[in-house]
Each structure stands twice: as C-alpha cells, then as structure tokens.
C-alpha cells in the first residue's frame, strides 16, 4: 500500500461520506460513457438503484466492462478518492439487503423506510476489483 493509499477503515469512512459514484461503461462505438450515480457502500460493494431506461442498463445487461471513481475534496491538499474496475450483477429486489434499501432511502430521500420495489428501477451490485485509493491529506 502506497503512502497516500487509504486503509480499509479510512476507505469505509470516506465512502460513507460521499454521495456520487462516477460509473464508466463502454458505449456502442467503443468509447467510455461516464455517468454519476447515487450509491450505498455496504459489505464491500457499491449498491446502485439503477434506472431501467438508462443506456448504461442495456450495456450492463449485455456484459460491457465497467469501472468507477469516487472522489472528494476541493483544494489539492484535500483531494481523496478511490477508483478501479468493477464486477457487477443485477440483484432481484427481494434479495437486496434491507440495510441497503433503508440506507439508500435515508441518504437520498430523507425517509426511514426501505425503498419499495419499483418497476422502473433495478438494483445493481458493483464489486470493486483492482482498487487504487489516494488521500492527499497525508502529504
């Protein structure tokens, strides 16, 4: 681990603070397509309540490669982040941990009830692979 890398505790705390993950997929022309998505970090994976009609959904269902970055900070000495490749799976609504559904509802909608099923969304579990992290506050 490099001197700027976050340890597991630092990484977990950082991801608990952040609200946006930038998800990159490969479009039909072979170019990166990067979009911001909301997420919950739970048990070593990002959980995204993914919009079914989004172009990324068709690409992911077809097996495209994907990667991510989550970053924060404003000034150079504050910059922190994590990036890497992703393994992923769509997860049936009834198989999503209630802590994920509740955490998402609390974080983004300000309610304590778990998100109810919705035909226009599908849960996506993103498992980081080959992760690199940095925290410039350690400089």
Protein backbone atom coordinates (compact mmCIF):
# COMPACT_ATOMS: atom_id res chain seq x y z
CA UNK A 1 0.00 0.00 0.00
CA UNK A 2 1.44 3.38 -1.01
CA UNK A 3 1.85 6.17 1.47
CA UNK A 4 -1.18 8.04 0.10
CA UNK A 5 -3.46 4.99 -0.04
CA UNK A 6 -6.39 4.71 2.37
CA UNK A 7 -6.62 1.70 4.67
CA UNK A 8 -9.91 -0.21 4.92
CA UNK A 9 -11.21 1.93 7.79
CA UNK A 10 -10.36 5.19 6.05
CA UNK A 11 -11.88 3.95 2.80
CA UNK A 12 -15.11 2.89 4.51
CA UNK A 13 -15.42 6.25 6.28
CA UNK A 14 -14.72 8.12 3.03
CA UNK A 15 -17.34 6.15 1.08
CA UNK A 16 -19.89 6.69 3.86
CA UNK A 17 -19.47 10.48 3.34
CA UNK A 18 -19.63 10.57 -0.45
CA UNK A 19 -22.88 10.69 -2.42
CA UNK A 20 -21.85 10.26 -6.06
CA UNK A 21 -20.03 7.46 -7.86
CA UNK A 22 -18.96 8.03 -11.45
CA UNK A 23 -19.73 4.84 -13.34
CA UNK A 24 -17.98 4.22 -16.66
CA UNK A 25 -19.24 1.75 -19.23
CA UNK A 26 -18.25 1.22 -22.87
CA UNK A 27 -20.67 2.62 -25.47
CA UNK A 28 -21.55 1.03 -28.81
CA UNK A 29 -18.70 2.88 -30.53
CA UNK A 30 -16.13 1.66 -28.00
CA UNK A 31 -15.84 4.96 -26.12
CA UNK A 32 -16.09 5.41 -22.36
CA UNK A 33 -19.51 6.61 -21.22
CA UNK A 34 -19.31 8.05 -17.70
CA UNK A 35 -22.35 8.93 -15.59
CA UNK A 36 -22.85 9.99 -11.98
CA UNK A 37 -24.97 7.60 -9.90
CA UNK A 38 -26.10 7.51 -6.28
CA UNK A 39 -24.84 4.60 -4.20
CA UNK A 40 -24.72 2.93 -0.81
CA UNK A 41 -21.48 1.25 0.28
CA UNK A 42 -22.38 -1.99 2.05
CA UNK A 43 -20.35 -5.13 2.83
CA UNK A 44 -17.56 -4.25 0.41
CA UNK A 45 -19.79 -3.39 -2.55
CA UNK A 46 -21.48 -0.38 -4.08
CA UNK A 47 -25.25 -0.74 -4.38
CA UNK A 48 -26.99 1.39 -7.01
CA UNK A 49 -30.74 1.76 -7.54
CA UNK A 50 -30.34 1.84 -11.30
CA UNK A 51 -32.83 3.37 -13.71
CA UNK A 52 -34.03 0.71 -16.17
CA UNK A 53 -34.37 3.08 -19.13
CA UNK A 54 -30.79 4.37 -18.84
CA UNK A 55 -28.48 3.49 -21.73
CA UNK A 56 -25.98 2.05 -19.26
CA UNK A 57 -28.55 -0.55 -18.22
CA UNK A 58 -28.67 -2.11 -21.68
CA UNK A 59 -24.88 -2.02 -21.89
CA UNK A 60 -24.53 -3.66 -18.48
CA UNK A 61 -27.13 -6.32 -19.27
CA UNK A 62 -25.15 -7.06 -22.46
CA UNK A 63 -21.97 -7.61 -20.41
CA UNK A 64 -19.97 -4.45 -21.00
CA UNK A 65 -16.88 -3.73 -18.95
CA UNK A 66 -17.17 -1.03 -16.34
CA UNK A 67 -15.08 0.99 -13.93
CA UNK A 68 -15.64 3.69 -11.33
CA UNK A 69 -14.26 6.62 -9.41
CA UNK A 70 -15.49 8.24 -6.21
CA UNK A 71 -13.60 11.38 -5.26
CA UNK A 72 -13.83 14.35 -2.98
CA UNK A 73 -12.01 17.45 -1.86
CA UNK A 74 -11.57 20.92 -3.30
CA UNK A 75 -8.03 22.13 -2.78
CA UNK A 76 -5.07 20.00 -3.81
CA UNK A 77 -4.17 19.03 -0.25
CA UNK A 78 -7.75 17.82 0.41
CA UNK A 79 -8.13 15.50 -2.58
CA UNK A 80 -9.19 11.93 -1.77
CA UNK A 81 -10.64 9.17 -3.85
CA UNK A 82 -10.84 5.59 -4.97
CA UNK A 83 -11.07 4.07 -8.44
CA UNK A 84 -10.96 0.69 -10.08
CA UNK A 85 -12.67 -1.86 -12.26
CA UNK A 86 -15.97 -3.43 -11.33
CA UNK A 87 -17.54 -6.86 -11.37
CA UNK A 88 -21.30 -6.45 -11.28
CA UNK A 89 -24.65 -8.17 -11.06
CA UNK A 90 -28.28 -7.13 -11.19
CA UNK A 91 -29.96 -8.24 -7.96
CA UNK A 92 -33.65 -9.06 -7.54
CA UNK A 93 -35.40 -6.56 -5.28
CA UNK A 94 -36.27 -9.22 -2.69
CA UNK A 95 -32.59 -10.25 -2.46
CA UNK A 96 -31.27 -6.75 -1.69
CA UNK A 97 -30.30 -6.43 1.98
CA UNK A 98 -32.83 -4.32 3.90
CA UNK A 99 -29.92 -2.24 5.25
CA UNK A 100 -29.09 -1.24 1.66
CA UNK A 101 -32.69 -0.33 0.81
CA UNK A 102 -33.10 1.64 4.05
CA UNK A 103 -29.68 3.30 3.74
CA UNK A 104 -30.45 4.45 0.22
CA UNK A 105 -33.85 5.85 1.27
CA UNK A 106 -32.32 7.69 4.24
CA UNK A 107 -29.34 9.05 2.35
CA UNK A 108 -31.09 10.36 -0.75
CA UNK A 109 -34.76 10.74 0.16
CA UNK A 110 -34.66 11.50 3.89
CA UNK A 111 -37.05 8.70 4.89
CA UNK A 112 -36.51 5.81 7.30
CA UNK A 113 -38.50 3.19 5.40
CA UNK A 114 -36.66 0.91 2.95
CA UNK A 115 -37.19 1.76 -0.70
CA UNK A 116 -40.20 -0.09 -2.09
CA UNK A 117 -39.91 -2.13 -5.30
CA UNK A 118 -40.24 -0.05 -8.48
CA UNK A 119 -40.62 -1.44 -12.00
CA UNK A 120 -38.58 1.43 -13.46
CA UNK A 121 -35.50 0.66 -11.31
CA UNK A 122 -33.27 -2.38 -10.80
CA UNK A 123 -30.71 -2.93 -8.07
CA UNK A 124 -27.12 -3.22 -9.20
CA UNK A 125 -24.33 -4.59 -7.02
CA UNK A 126 -20.89 -3.30 -8.05
CA UNK A 127 -17.90 -5.16 -6.62
CA UNK A 128 -14.60 -3.24 -6.86
CA UNK A 129 -11.65 -5.07 -8.43
CA UNK A 130 -8.08 -3.76 -8.61
CA UNK A 131 -8.77 -0.71 -6.46
CA UNK A 132 -6.46 2.29 -6.07
CA UNK A 133 -7.09 4.93 -3.44
CA UNK A 134 -5.45 8.22 -2.52
CA UNK A 135 -5.66 10.77 0.25
CA UNK A 136 -3.57 13.89 -0.38
CA UNK A 137 -4.18 15.00 3.22
CA UNK A 138 -1.36 12.51 4.04
CA UNK A 139 1.21 14.57 2.12
